[in-house]
Amino acid sequence: MFGKASKILQYMRLKVLNDQTQKDNTPSMTVETTPIPTSITKLLEKLEEAFSLCSDFVLREVELAGDVPLKIHIAYINGLVNKQIINEEILKPIMLNTTLEYNDRKVRKQDIISLLSKNLITNSSVEEVEDFNQSLHHILCGYTLIYIDGQSRALKIETQEWETRNVIEPNTESVIRGPREGFVESIGTNIVLLRRKIKNSKLKFESFNLGERTNTNVSICYIEGIAPVEVIKTVKRRLSKIKIDAILESGYIEQFIEDAPLSLFATVGNSEKPDKVAAKILEGRVAILCDGTPFVLTVPNLFIESLQSSEDYYTRSFFGSFNRILRLLAFLTTIFLPAIYVATILHHLTVIPFDLLISVSAAREGVPFSPLIEGLFMVIVFEFLRESGVRMPRPVGQTASIVGALVIGEAAVTAGIVSPIMVIVIALTGICSFIIPSLGDVLPMLRIFFLLGAHQLGYLGILIVLFVLMIHLSSIRSFGVPYLSVLAPTDIKDLKDSIIRTPLWMMITRPEAFNFDHKEDNPRMSEQIIKKED
């Protein structure tokens, strides 16, 4: 009886879930349009109202010769356009055309749009615009708009040009072997960098404008037929629900679309390297590009990616696997070593060999603080030094970090504030944290949690904190994919590219974690995907 009731409830739950999924996947939103005034007087009034007190707005009036001269207004923002393109490809053809002859007959007013776009303007990109507000947005994006007296349509000409940073090697993801190019702040350049990596017509880019004041250009990128349809729809849905005045960096978007906003661990990945993002797209992920930042977001994002590097695939599998094992050991060392030291000193002295115990006791002689206070003090001081090294000018910052660590460490030991062993423990902990920079924001908090657990219950406290941490990591998902995928739940097929990297000729299948179509628990995945929206 209870079994039947359970099945009925489960059926009803899945039915409601599927209905909700279909409802969310087909959003209907009506956008109100404002037609372009046909009267040139009203058009100029609306342009003057929109760009009042904007000294960089340029409105150039030109007359097209004929029996009745036709007024044409060319609008653009100075500094966002290439004036040479405007002069050579727009003004020159129009002003040198002294008559309105077209196929030996007088051109009528309704044919002027066709005349300009097909016969006069020599720019490679000419599009018609019918909405006035949309034309204003194009002007602010660096396009040149041509408004014609008596026409309810305008022409959008691609004339964008502004100062951008050159494509250089990113500082956050340095490699010894592999491409040295990195994303820049221009979304157009970033799209080109991805196109160069993946020369395939199935590589799709869909654009959005986010930020009610900034109208920032955002684009999602995926390979049609490889990226799960559920993930693509979810990304679009979450982006469409972002309501904020400004999007100044991709970090704004990340905080709106992530699955576990209260978690220490990021469920949305980011990278400055085109080859790394291209590899993730080929696996079935979706990339999110934001204008004004070199950091490209990728979803879904898994924990195992923190221990991987793009360079692992450019070297032989033995060296790639060794480096991943090294990063795993560094991760365990940087979060556990201070806690193990504190737990051993306070609760488990018997595990220390007698000769070593004498040395430890001698080193701690005269230190007035408990091991917990020592550990917290040194962890915080190390974070001070790391943060100062990042924020200061690069040459000065590196020097300040190194000299500061040496001077403060030596002075603290000499003054008897901390023991020499604690300095060694924190130094080794800090070095290991540099090996996995993608978890740099998480590691200090984890160290403190494990330190507190070790102070209270020793090794048992460390195990309790570890147990809670594993429960948390197992409970979160990234766009429907378990965050600990490959490791938990364990997939034998995906272990070929986990801690151990097999040779490339053995990696013949894409990750099963992103293959939603063949998942038996697909409804549960759908539930996790739409949970964010509910």
Protein backbone atom coordinates (compact mmCIF):
# COMPACT_ATOMS: atom_id res chain seq x y z
CA MET A 1 0.00 0.00 0.00
CA PHE A 2 2.71 2.43 1.01
CA GLY A 3 4.71 1.37 -2.06
CA LYS A 4 1.79 2.29 -4.37
CA ALA A 5 1.31 5.62 -2.62
CA SER A 6 5.02 6.34 -2.97
CA LYS A 7 4.89 5.58 -6.72
CA ILE A 8 1.83 7.78 -7.19
CA LEU A 9 3.49 10.68 -5.36
CA GLN A 10 6.66 10.19 -7.38
CA TYR A 11 4.67 10.19 -10.65
CA MET A 12 2.82 13.38 -9.65
CA ARG A 13 6.07 15.03 -8.64
CA LEU A 14 7.76 14.21 -11.97
CA LYS A 15 4.70 15.39 -13.92
CA VAL A 16 4.72 18.75 -12.13
CA LEU A 17 8.47 18.92 -12.67
CA ASN A 18 8.20 18.29 -16.41
CA ASP A 19 5.40 20.86 -16.74
CA GLN A 20 7.52 23.42 -14.89
CA THR A 21 10.52 22.62 -17.09
CA GLN A 22 8.51 23.14 -20.27
CA LYS A 23 7.09 26.36 -18.90
CA ASP A 24 10.52 27.73 -17.99
CA ASN A 25 12.05 26.65 -21.29
CA THR A 26 9.59 28.66 -23.37
CA PRO A 27 9.62 32.15 -21.88
CA SER A 28 7.42 34.71 -23.57
CA MET A 29 8.41 38.35 -23.24
CA THR A 30 6.88 41.19 -25.23
CA VAL A 31 9.27 44.01 -26.07
CA GLU A 32 7.71 47.39 -26.77
CA THR A 33 9.16 49.07 -29.86
CA THR A 34 9.35 52.77 -30.73
CA PRO A 35 9.20 53.51 -34.46
CA ILE A 36 11.63 55.94 -36.02
CA PRO A 37 9.83 59.25 -36.77
CA THR A 38 9.40 59.92 -40.49
CA SER A 39 9.47 63.67 -39.87
CA ILE A 40 13.05 64.89 -39.74
CA THR A 41 12.05 67.63 -37.28
CA LYS A 42 10.63 65.15 -34.75
CA LEU A 43 13.62 62.86 -35.28
CA LEU A 44 16.08 65.65 -34.48
CA GLU A 45 14.09 66.59 -31.39
CA LYS A 46 14.21 63.00 -30.09
CA LEU A 47 17.93 62.72 -30.82
CA GLU A 48 18.59 66.04 -29.09
CA GLU A 49 16.58 64.88 -26.08
CA ALA A 50 18.40 61.53 -25.90
CA PHE A 51 21.91 62.97 -26.26
CA SER A 52 21.51 66.34 -24.55
CA LEU A 53 24.68 67.48 -22.75
CA CYS A 54 26.65 64.76 -24.61
CA SER A 55 29.54 66.69 -26.15
CA ASP A 56 30.87 63.59 -27.91
CA PHE A 57 27.67 63.01 -29.89
CA VAL A 58 28.05 64.03 -33.53
CA LEU A 59 25.13 64.62 -35.92
CA ARG A 60 26.18 65.43 -39.48
CA GLU A 61 23.63 66.66 -42.01
CA VAL A 62 24.10 65.80 -45.69
CA GLU A 63 21.87 66.51 -48.67
CA LEU A 64 21.47 63.98 -51.44
CA ALA A 65 21.25 65.92 -54.69
CA GLY A 66 18.23 65.68 -56.99
CA ASP A 67 15.16 67.53 -58.16
CA VAL A 68 14.18 67.83 -54.49
CA PRO A 69 17.24 67.61 -52.18
CA LEU A 70 16.88 64.85 -49.62
CA LYS A 71 18.20 65.45 -46.09
CA ILE A 72 20.26 62.68 -44.51
CA HIS A 73 21.60 62.77 -40.95
CA ILE A 74 24.63 60.74 -39.91
CA ALA A 75 24.88 60.11 -36.15
CA TYR A 76 27.75 58.63 -34.16
CA ILE A 77 29.72 58.95 -30.91
CA ASN A 78 33.14 60.54 -31.29
CA GLY A 79 35.85 58.22 -29.97
CA LEU A 80 33.91 55.01 -30.55
CA VAL A 81 34.14 55.12 -34.35
CA ASN A 82 36.79 55.16 -37.05
CA LYS A 83 36.36 58.53 -38.75
CA GLN A 84 38.30 57.39 -41.79
CA ILE A 85 35.67 54.69 -42.44
CA ILE A 86 32.91 57.29 -42.11
CA ASN A 87 34.66 59.67 -44.50
CA GLU A 88 35.63 57.10 -47.13
CA GLU A 89 32.72 54.66 -47.02
CA ILE A 90 29.75 56.85 -46.07
CA LEU A 91 30.25 60.60 -46.62
CA LYS A 92 32.34 60.43 -49.78
CA PRO A 93 30.00 58.15 -51.80
CA ILE A 94 26.93 60.18 -50.77
CA MET A 95 28.41 63.62 -51.36
CA LEU A 96 30.01 62.72 -54.70
CA ASN A 97 26.68 61.42 -56.02
CA THR A 98 25.39 64.56 -57.71
CA THR A 99 22.24 63.06 -59.20
CA LEU A 100 19.64 60.51 -58.20
CA GLU A 101 20.00 58.48 -61.38
CA TYR A 102 19.36 54.77 -60.94
CA ASN A 103 18.76 52.56 -64.00
CA ASP A 104 18.05 55.70 -66.12
CA ARG A 105 15.11 56.84 -64.01
CA LYS A 106 14.54 59.12 -61.07
CA VAL A 107 14.82 57.35 -57.73
CA ARG A 108 11.69 57.60 -55.65
CA LYS A 109 11.78 58.22 -51.91
CA GLN A 110 10.83 54.67 -51.04
CA ASP A 111 13.85 53.42 -53.00
CA ILE A 112 16.41 55.57 -51.18
CA ILE A 113 17.16 52.90 -48.53
CA SER A 114 17.96 50.40 -51.26
CA LEU A 115 20.05 52.97 -53.16
CA LEU A 116 22.18 53.79 -50.13
CA SER A 117 22.71 50.22 -48.91
CA LYS A 118 23.25 48.58 -52.30
CA ASN A 119 24.82 51.28 -54.49
CA LEU A 120 26.39 54.09 -52.51
CA ILE A 121 27.69 52.95 -49.13
CA THR A 122 30.80 50.81 -49.54
CA ASN A 123 30.93 49.40 -46.01
CA SER A 124 30.82 45.60 -45.73
CA SER A 125 28.19 45.61 -42.97
CA VAL A 126 24.97 47.53 -43.61
CA GLU A 127 21.74 46.65 -41.76
CA GLU A 128 18.31 48.21 -41.52
CA VAL A 129 16.93 49.31 -38.15
CA GLU A 130 13.26 50.08 -37.51
CA ASP A 131 13.20 50.68 -33.74
CA PHE A 132 14.33 54.12 -32.51
CA ASN A 133 15.55 52.94 -29.09
CA GLN A 134 17.49 50.15 -30.74
CA SER A 135 19.15 52.68 -33.02
CA LEU A 136 20.23 54.70 -29.97
CA HIS A 137 21.75 51.55 -28.49
CA HIS A 138 23.69 50.90 -31.71
CA ILE A 139 25.06 54.45 -31.65
CA LEU A 140 26.29 53.95 -28.09
CA CYS A 141 27.95 50.68 -29.17
CA GLY A 142 30.09 52.44 -31.78
CA TYR A 143 27.96 52.04 -34.91
CA THR A 144 27.08 54.88 -37.25
CA LEU A 145 23.36 55.42 -37.93
CA ILE A 146 22.01 57.03 -41.08
CA TYR A 147 18.57 58.64 -40.67
CA ILE A 148 16.70 59.70 -43.81
CA ASP A 149 13.94 62.28 -44.07
CA GLY A 150 10.59 60.62 -44.67
CA GLN A 151 11.81 57.12 -43.83
CA SER A 152 10.75 55.02 -40.86
CA ARG A 153 13.90 52.95 -41.19
CA ALA A 154 17.56 53.79 -40.58
CA LEU A 155 20.81 52.18 -41.71
CA LYS A 156 23.31 50.81 -39.22
CA ILE A 157 26.92 50.92 -40.47
CA GLU A 158 29.73 49.08 -38.68
CA THR A 159 32.38 51.69 -37.88
CA GLN A 160 33.47 50.59 -34.40
CA GLU A 161 37.01 51.31 -33.31
CA TRP A 162 38.47 52.15 -29.91
CA GLU A 163 41.66 51.53 -28.00
CA THR A 164 42.03 47.96 -26.78
CA ARG A 165 44.71 45.96 -25.02
CA ASN A 166 46.88 43.73 -27.16
CA VAL A 167 46.54 39.95 -26.94
CA ILE A 168 49.24 38.90 -24.47
CA GLU A 169 49.93 36.03 -22.10
CA PRO A 170 47.61 36.11 -19.07
CA ASN A 171 49.32 36.52 -15.71
CA THR A 172 46.84 34.36 -13.81
CA GLU A 173 47.44 31.17 -15.82
CA SER A 174 51.07 30.93 -16.82
CA VAL A 175 52.28 27.85 -18.67
CA ILE A 176 55.63 26.50 -19.79
CA ARG A 177 54.29 24.75 -22.87
CA GLY A 178 51.21 25.80 -24.77
CA PRO A 179 49.61 28.90 -26.33
CA ARG A 180 50.60 32.20 -24.72
CA GLU A 181 47.64 34.26 -25.90
CA GLY A 182 44.91 35.37 -23.53
CA PHE A 183 41.52 37.00 -23.70
CA VAL A 184 41.25 40.79 -23.67
CA GLU A 185 38.55 43.28 -22.69
CA SER A 186 36.97 43.36 -26.16
CA ILE A 187 34.27 40.73 -26.65
CA GLY A 188 34.73 40.90 -30.43
CA THR A 189 38.41 39.98 -30.11
CA ASN A 190 37.57 37.17 -27.68
CA ILE A 191 35.04 35.71 -30.12
CA VAL A 192 37.70 35.76 -32.84
CA LEU A 193 40.16 33.97 -30.54
CA LEU A 194 37.64 31.17 -30.01
CA ARG A 195 36.80 31.02 -33.70
CA ARG A 196 40.48 30.51 -34.45
CA LYS A 197 40.55 27.54 -32.10
CA ILE A 198 37.30 25.91 -33.27
CA LYS A 199 36.74 26.32 -36.99
CA ASN A 200 33.31 24.75 -37.08
CA SER A 201 29.95 26.07 -38.24
CA LYS A 202 28.33 24.35 -35.24
CA LEU A 203 30.11 26.79 -32.91
CA LYS A 204 27.30 29.18 -31.99
CA PHE A 205 27.39 32.63 -30.40
CA GLU A 206 24.16 34.15 -29.07
CA SER A 207 24.25 37.75 -27.85
CA PHE A 208 22.37 39.48 -25.03
CA ASN A 209 22.41 42.95 -23.51
CA LEU A 210 22.54 42.95 -19.71
CA GLY A 211 22.47 45.88 -17.32
CA GLU A 212 19.61 48.35 -17.55
CA ARG A 213 22.04 51.29 -17.51
CA THR A 214 25.19 49.85 -19.08
CA ASN A 215 23.60 47.57 -21.73
CA THR A 216 26.69 45.39 -21.60
CA ASN A 217 27.15 43.01 -24.51
CA VAL A 218 27.15 39.40 -23.30
CA SER A 219 27.45 36.35 -25.52
CA ILE A 220 27.04 32.65 -24.81
CA CYS A 221 29.10 30.18 -26.82
CA TYR A 222 28.55 26.46 -27.34
CA ILE A 223 28.78 23.75 -29.97
CA GLU A 224 25.38 22.74 -31.28
CA GLY A 225 24.83 19.02 -30.88
CA ILE A 226 27.48 18.63 -28.16
CA ALA A 227 26.39 21.00 -25.40
CA PRO A 228 23.33 19.67 -23.51
CA VAL A 229 20.15 21.45 -24.55
CA GLU A 230 19.06 21.61 -20.89
CA VAL A 231 22.18 23.54 -19.93
CA ILE A 232 21.86 25.96 -22.87
CA LYS A 233 18.23 26.72 -21.99
CA THR A 234 19.11 27.15 -18.34
CA VAL A 235 21.92 29.60 -19.12
CA LYS A 236 19.60 31.68 -21.31
CA ARG A 237 16.87 31.61 -18.68
CA ARG A 238 19.12 32.69 -15.86
CA LEU A 239 20.69 35.45 -17.95
CA SER A 240 17.25 36.76 -18.93
CA LYS A 241 16.31 37.04 -15.26
CA ILE A 242 19.26 39.28 -14.33
CA LYS A 243 17.90 42.69 -13.34
CA ILE A 244 20.64 45.11 -12.36
CA ASP A 245 21.78 48.58 -13.38
CA ALA A 246 25.31 47.63 -14.42
CA ILE A 247 27.30 44.62 -15.57
CA LEU A 248 30.93 45.74 -15.34
CA GLU A 249 32.64 42.34 -15.19
CA SER A 250 31.78 38.68 -15.64
CA GLY A 251 31.87 38.30 -11.84
CA TYR A 252 28.51 40.13 -11.73
CA ILE A 253 26.99 37.47 -13.98
CA GLU A 254 28.59 34.64 -12.03
CA GLN A 255 26.91 35.72 -8.79
CA PHE A 256 23.49 35.77 -10.46
CA ILE A 257 23.63 32.39 -12.20
CA GLU A 258 25.60 30.16 -9.80
CA ASP A 259 23.82 27.24 -8.15
CA ALA A 260 25.22 27.54 -4.62
CA PRO A 261 25.71 31.25 -3.84
CA LEU A 262 26.35 30.57 -0.13
CA SER A 263 29.01 27.94 -0.78
CA LEU A 264 32.73 28.64 -0.56
CA PHE A 265 33.26 26.71 -3.79
CA ALA A 266 32.49 28.23 -7.18
CA THR A 267 30.04 26.33 -9.37
CA VAL A 268 30.91 28.60 -12.33
CA GLY A 269 34.39 28.37 -13.81
CA ASN A 270 36.43 31.20 -15.31
CA SER A 271 39.56 31.44 -17.43
CA GLU A 272 41.67 33.90 -19.43
CA LYS A 273 43.03 31.29 -21.85
CA PRO A 274 41.26 30.68 -25.19
CA ASP A 275 42.69 27.15 -25.53
CA LYS A 276 41.32 26.18 -22.11
CA VAL A 277 37.86 27.58 -22.82
CA ALA A 278 37.83 25.96 -26.28
CA ALA A 279 38.67 22.58 -24.74
CA LYS A 280 35.79 22.93 -22.28
CA ILE A 281 33.39 23.89 -25.06
CA LEU A 282 34.44 20.79 -26.99
CA GLU A 283 33.58 18.71 -23.91
CA GLY A 284 30.02 20.02 -23.96
CA ARG A 285 30.14 23.08 -21.74
CA VAL A 286 28.74 26.55 -22.36
CA ALA A 287 30.98 29.62 -22.26
CA ILE A 288 29.75 33.09 -21.30
CA LEU A 289 31.68 36.06 -22.70
CA CYS A 290 31.21 39.54 -21.25
CA ASP A 291 32.38 42.74 -22.89
CA GLY A 292 34.88 44.68 -20.79
CA THR A 293 36.63 41.75 -19.10
CA PRO A 294 39.19 39.10 -20.14
CA PHE A 295 37.62 36.45 -17.89
CA VAL A 296 35.28 34.05 -19.69
CA LEU A 297 32.84 31.96 -17.61
CA THR A 298 32.22 28.26 -18.27
CA VAL A 299 29.41 26.02 -17.01
CA PRO A 300 29.02 23.40 -15.67
CA ASN A 301 32.10 23.64 -13.44
CA LEU A 302 33.45 20.66 -11.45
CA PHE A 303 35.78 20.39 -8.46
CA ILE A 304 38.22 18.18 -10.35
CA GLU A 305 39.00 21.08 -12.71
CA SER A 306 40.79 22.88 -9.88
CA LEU A 307 43.47 20.20 -9.98
CA GLN A 308 43.87 20.28 -13.75
CA SER A 309 45.76 22.55 -16.11
CA SER A 310 45.66 23.00 -19.87
CA GLU A 311 49.36 22.17 -19.92
CA ASP A 312 48.59 18.62 -18.73
CA TYR A 313 47.30 17.81 -22.23
CA TYR A 314 50.31 19.24 -24.05
CA THR A 315 52.85 16.98 -22.36
CA ARG A 316 53.09 13.21 -22.14
CA SER A 317 50.51 11.53 -19.94
CA PHE A 318 53.10 10.48 -17.33
CA PHE A 319 54.13 14.07 -16.62
CA GLY A 320 50.54 15.33 -16.76
CA SER A 321 49.41 12.70 -14.25
CA PHE A 322 52.38 13.41 -11.97
CA ASN A 323 51.55 17.14 -11.94
CA ARG A 324 47.92 16.42 -11.06
CA ILE A 325 48.93 14.15 -8.19
CA LEU A 326 51.30 16.91 -7.07
CA ARG A 327 48.45 19.42 -7.04
CA LEU A 328 46.25 17.04 -5.07
CA LEU A 329 48.99 16.58 -2.47
CA ALA A 330 49.48 20.35 -2.35
CA PHE A 331 45.74 20.84 -1.78
CA LEU A 332 45.68 18.33 1.08
CA THR A 333 48.85 19.80 2.59
CA THR A 334 47.70 23.41 2.50
CA ILE A 335 44.39 22.72 4.31
CA PHE A 336 45.48 19.93 6.69
CA LEU A 337 49.09 20.67 7.74
CA PRO A 338 48.43 23.54 10.22
CA ALA A 339 45.48 21.64 11.72
CA ILE A 340 47.48 18.41 12.09
CA TYR A 341 50.29 20.32 13.81
CA VAL A 342 47.89 21.98 16.28
CA ALA A 343 46.03 18.72 16.95
CA THR A 344 49.29 16.85 17.55
CA ILE A 345 50.70 19.44 19.94
CA LEU A 346 47.49 19.82 21.96
CA HIS A 347 45.93 16.33 21.98
CA HIS A 348 48.24 13.68 20.53
CA LEU A 349 51.76 14.20 21.82
CA THR A 350 52.20 10.45 22.14
CA VAL A 351 52.35 10.02 18.36
CA ILE A 352 55.54 12.11 18.22
CA PRO A 353 58.83 10.18 18.58
CA PHE A 354 60.61 11.00 21.84
CA ASP A 355 63.65 12.66 20.25
CA LEU A 356 61.44 14.83 18.03
CA LEU A 357 59.22 15.64 21.02
CA ILE A 358 62.20 17.07 22.87
CA SER A 359 63.07 19.29 19.88
CA VAL A 360 59.47 20.48 19.57
CA SER A 361 59.26 21.25 23.28
CA ALA A 362 62.52 23.19 23.13
CA ALA A 363 61.30 25.16 20.11
CA ARG A 364 58.06 26.07 21.90
CA GLU A 365 59.75 27.07 25.12
CA GLY A 366 58.92 30.66 26.00
CA VAL A 367 56.04 30.99 23.50
CA PRO A 368 53.15 32.55 25.50
CA PHE A 369 50.35 31.63 23.11
CA SER A 370 48.56 28.37 22.42
CA PRO A 371 49.18 26.57 19.09
CA LEU A 372 45.74 27.73 17.86
CA ILE A 373 46.56 31.40 18.42
CA GLU A 374 49.95 30.84 16.78
CA GLY A 375 48.36 29.21 13.77
CA LEU A 376 45.63 31.82 13.32
CA PHE A 377 48.15 34.64 13.73
CA MET A 378 50.52 33.23 11.12
CA VAL A 379 47.71 32.38 8.67
CA ILE A 380 46.35 35.93 8.87
CA VAL A 381 49.82 37.47 8.54
CA PHE A 382 50.49 35.30 5.49
CA GLU A 383 47.23 36.49 3.90
CA PHE A 384 48.24 40.10 4.65
CA LEU A 385 51.52 39.57 2.80
CA ARG A 386 49.85 37.80 -0.12
CA GLU A 387 47.21 40.49 -0.51
CA SER A 388 49.77 43.30 -0.34
CA GLY A 389 51.85 41.58 -2.99
CA VAL A 390 48.82 41.38 -5.29
CA ARG A 391 47.61 44.98 -4.79
CA MET A 392 50.94 46.78 -4.94
CA PRO A 393 52.77 47.50 -8.22
CA ARG A 394 54.18 44.21 -9.48
CA PRO A 395 57.96 44.79 -9.01
CA VAL A 396 57.42 46.33 -5.58
CA GLY A 397 54.76 43.79 -4.60
CA GLN A 398 56.97 40.75 -5.15
CA THR A 399 59.81 42.31 -3.20
CA ALA A 400 57.50 43.36 -0.36
CA SER A 401 56.04 39.86 -0.09
CA ILE A 402 59.39 38.08 0.06
CA VAL A 403 61.17 40.59 2.30
CA GLY A 404 58.09 40.98 4.51
CA ALA A 405 57.82 37.23 5.03
CA LEU A 406 61.48 36.87 5.93
CA VAL A 407 61.59 39.90 8.24
CA ILE A 408 58.29 39.23 10.03
CA GLY A 409 59.00 35.50 10.39
CA GLU A 410 62.47 36.06 11.83
CA ALA A 411 61.28 38.87 14.12
CA ALA A 412 58.34 36.80 15.40
CA VAL A 413 60.60 33.86 16.25
CA THR A 414 63.21 36.11 17.89
CA ALA A 415 60.55 37.85 19.97
CA GLY A 416 59.17 34.51 21.12
CA ILE A 417 55.69 35.16 19.70
CA VAL A 418 55.63 32.02 17.55
CA SER A 419 57.74 28.90 17.39
CA PRO A 420 60.13 28.16 14.48
CA ILE A 421 58.17 25.01 13.63
CA MET A 422 54.97 27.01 13.17
CA VAL A 423 56.78 29.35 10.78
CA ILE A 424 57.93 26.32 8.76
CA VAL A 425 54.40 24.88 8.74
CA ILE A 426 52.80 28.12 7.53
CA ALA A 427 55.54 28.68 4.93
CA LEU A 428 55.01 25.21 3.48
CA THR A 429 51.25 25.74 3.60
CA GLY A 430 51.57 29.00 1.67
CA ILE A 431 53.84 27.50 -0.97
CA CYS A 432 51.39 24.67 -1.57
CA SER A 433 48.50 27.12 -1.94
CA PHE A 434 50.28 28.80 -4.86
CA ILE A 435 50.20 25.52 -6.80
CA ILE A 436 46.38 25.62 -7.05
CA PRO A 437 45.53 29.31 -7.65
CA SER A 438 41.96 28.53 -8.75
CA LEU A 439 41.12 27.67 -5.11
CA GLY A 440 43.04 30.60 -3.66
CA ASP A 441 39.92 32.23 -2.21
CA VAL A 442 38.70 29.01 -0.57
CA LEU A 443 41.88 27.72 1.06
CA PRO A 444 42.27 30.33 3.86
CA MET A 445 38.73 29.66 5.10
CA LEU A 446 39.24 25.89 5.00
CA ARG A 447 42.48 26.22 7.00
CA ILE A 448 40.68 28.18 9.71
CA PHE A 449 37.82 25.66 9.92
CA PHE A 450 40.23 22.74 10.24
CA LEU A 451 42.34 24.65 12.79
CA LEU A 452 39.27 25.23 14.98
CA GLY A 453 38.25 21.57 14.71
CA ALA A 454 41.78 20.43 15.56
CA HIS A 455 41.91 22.73 18.60
CA GLN A 456 38.67 21.38 20.02
CA LEU A 457 38.86 17.63 19.37
CA GLY A 458 42.24 16.92 17.81
CA TYR A 459 42.27 14.44 14.95
CA LEU A 460 38.61 13.68 15.58
CA GLY A 461 37.77 17.35 15.06
CA ILE A 462 39.63 17.31 11.73
CA LEU A 463 37.65 14.25 10.63
CA ILE A 464 34.35 15.88 11.64
CA VAL A 465 35.13 19.03 9.64
CA LEU A 466 36.23 16.86 6.71
CA PHE A 467 33.01 14.84 6.94
CA VAL A 468 30.88 18.02 6.89
CA LEU A 469 32.92 19.36 3.98
CA MET A 470 32.41 16.17 1.93
CA ILE A 471 28.66 16.23 2.62
CA HIS A 472 28.51 19.83 1.42
CA LEU A 473 30.53 19.14 -1.75
CA SER A 474 28.38 16.11 -2.52
CA SER A 475 25.17 18.10 -2.15
CA ILE A 476 25.90 20.95 -4.56
CA ARG A 477 25.52 20.81 -8.32
CA SER A 478 26.58 22.97 -11.23
CA PHE A 479 23.77 23.32 -13.78
CA GLY A 480 22.46 19.87 -12.97
CA VAL A 481 25.85 18.12 -12.81
CA PRO A 482 27.12 16.92 -9.40
CA TYR A 483 30.04 19.09 -8.32
CA LEU A 484 32.16 16.05 -7.43
CA SER A 485 31.40 14.28 -10.70
CA VAL A 486 33.97 11.72 -11.87
CA LEU A 487 34.91 11.13 -8.21
CA ALA A 488 31.44 11.03 -6.63
CA PRO A 489 29.45 9.59 -8.22
CA THR A 490 32.27 7.57 -9.71
CA ASP A 491 32.16 7.01 -13.44
CA ILE A 492 34.71 4.49 -14.71
CA LYS A 493 34.67 5.98 -18.21
CA ASP A 494 35.48 9.49 -16.94
CA LEU A 495 38.34 8.36 -14.68
CA LYS A 496 40.58 8.46 -17.75
CA ASP A 497 40.75 12.24 -17.33
CA SER A 498 40.66 12.78 -13.57
CA ILE A 499 43.60 12.59 -11.17
CA ILE A 500 45.34 10.32 -13.68
CA ARG A 501 45.41 11.45 -17.31
CA THR A 502 45.54 8.63 -19.78
CA PRO A 503 47.16 9.11 -23.23
CA LEU A 504 45.14 11.16 -25.68
CA TRP A 505 44.57 8.18 -27.97
CA MET A 506 42.65 6.49 -25.14
CA MET A 507 40.40 9.52 -24.48
CA ILE A 508 37.90 8.78 -27.25
CA THR A 509 34.65 9.75 -25.49
CA ARG A 510 33.39 12.99 -24.03
CA PRO A 511 32.63 13.22 -20.28
CA GLU A 512 29.54 11.20 -19.37
CA ALA A 513 28.70 13.76 -16.67
CA PHE A 514 27.49 16.18 -19.36
CA ASN A 515 25.58 13.58 -21.36
CA PHE A 516 22.07 14.30 -20.08
CA ASP A 517 20.34 12.31 -22.80
CA HIS A 518 21.60 8.97 -21.52
CA LYS A 519 21.13 9.60 -17.80
CA GLU A 520 18.59 7.32 -16.13
CA ASP A 521 17.95 9.97 -13.48
CA ASN A 522 17.42 12.73 -16.01
CA PRO A 523 14.31 14.06 -14.16
CA ARG A 524 16.42 14.60 -11.05
CA MET A 525 18.95 16.50 -13.10
CA SER A 526 16.16 18.65 -14.51
CA GLU A 527 14.97 19.28 -10.95
CA GLN A 528 18.39 20.49 -9.89
CA ILE A 529 18.63 22.71 -12.97
CA ILE A 530 15.34 24.52 -12.40
CA LYS A 531 15.79 24.69 -8.64
CA LYS A 532 17.71 27.93 -9.03
CA GLU A 533 14.86 29.58 -10.91
CA ASP A 534 12.18 28.45 -8.46
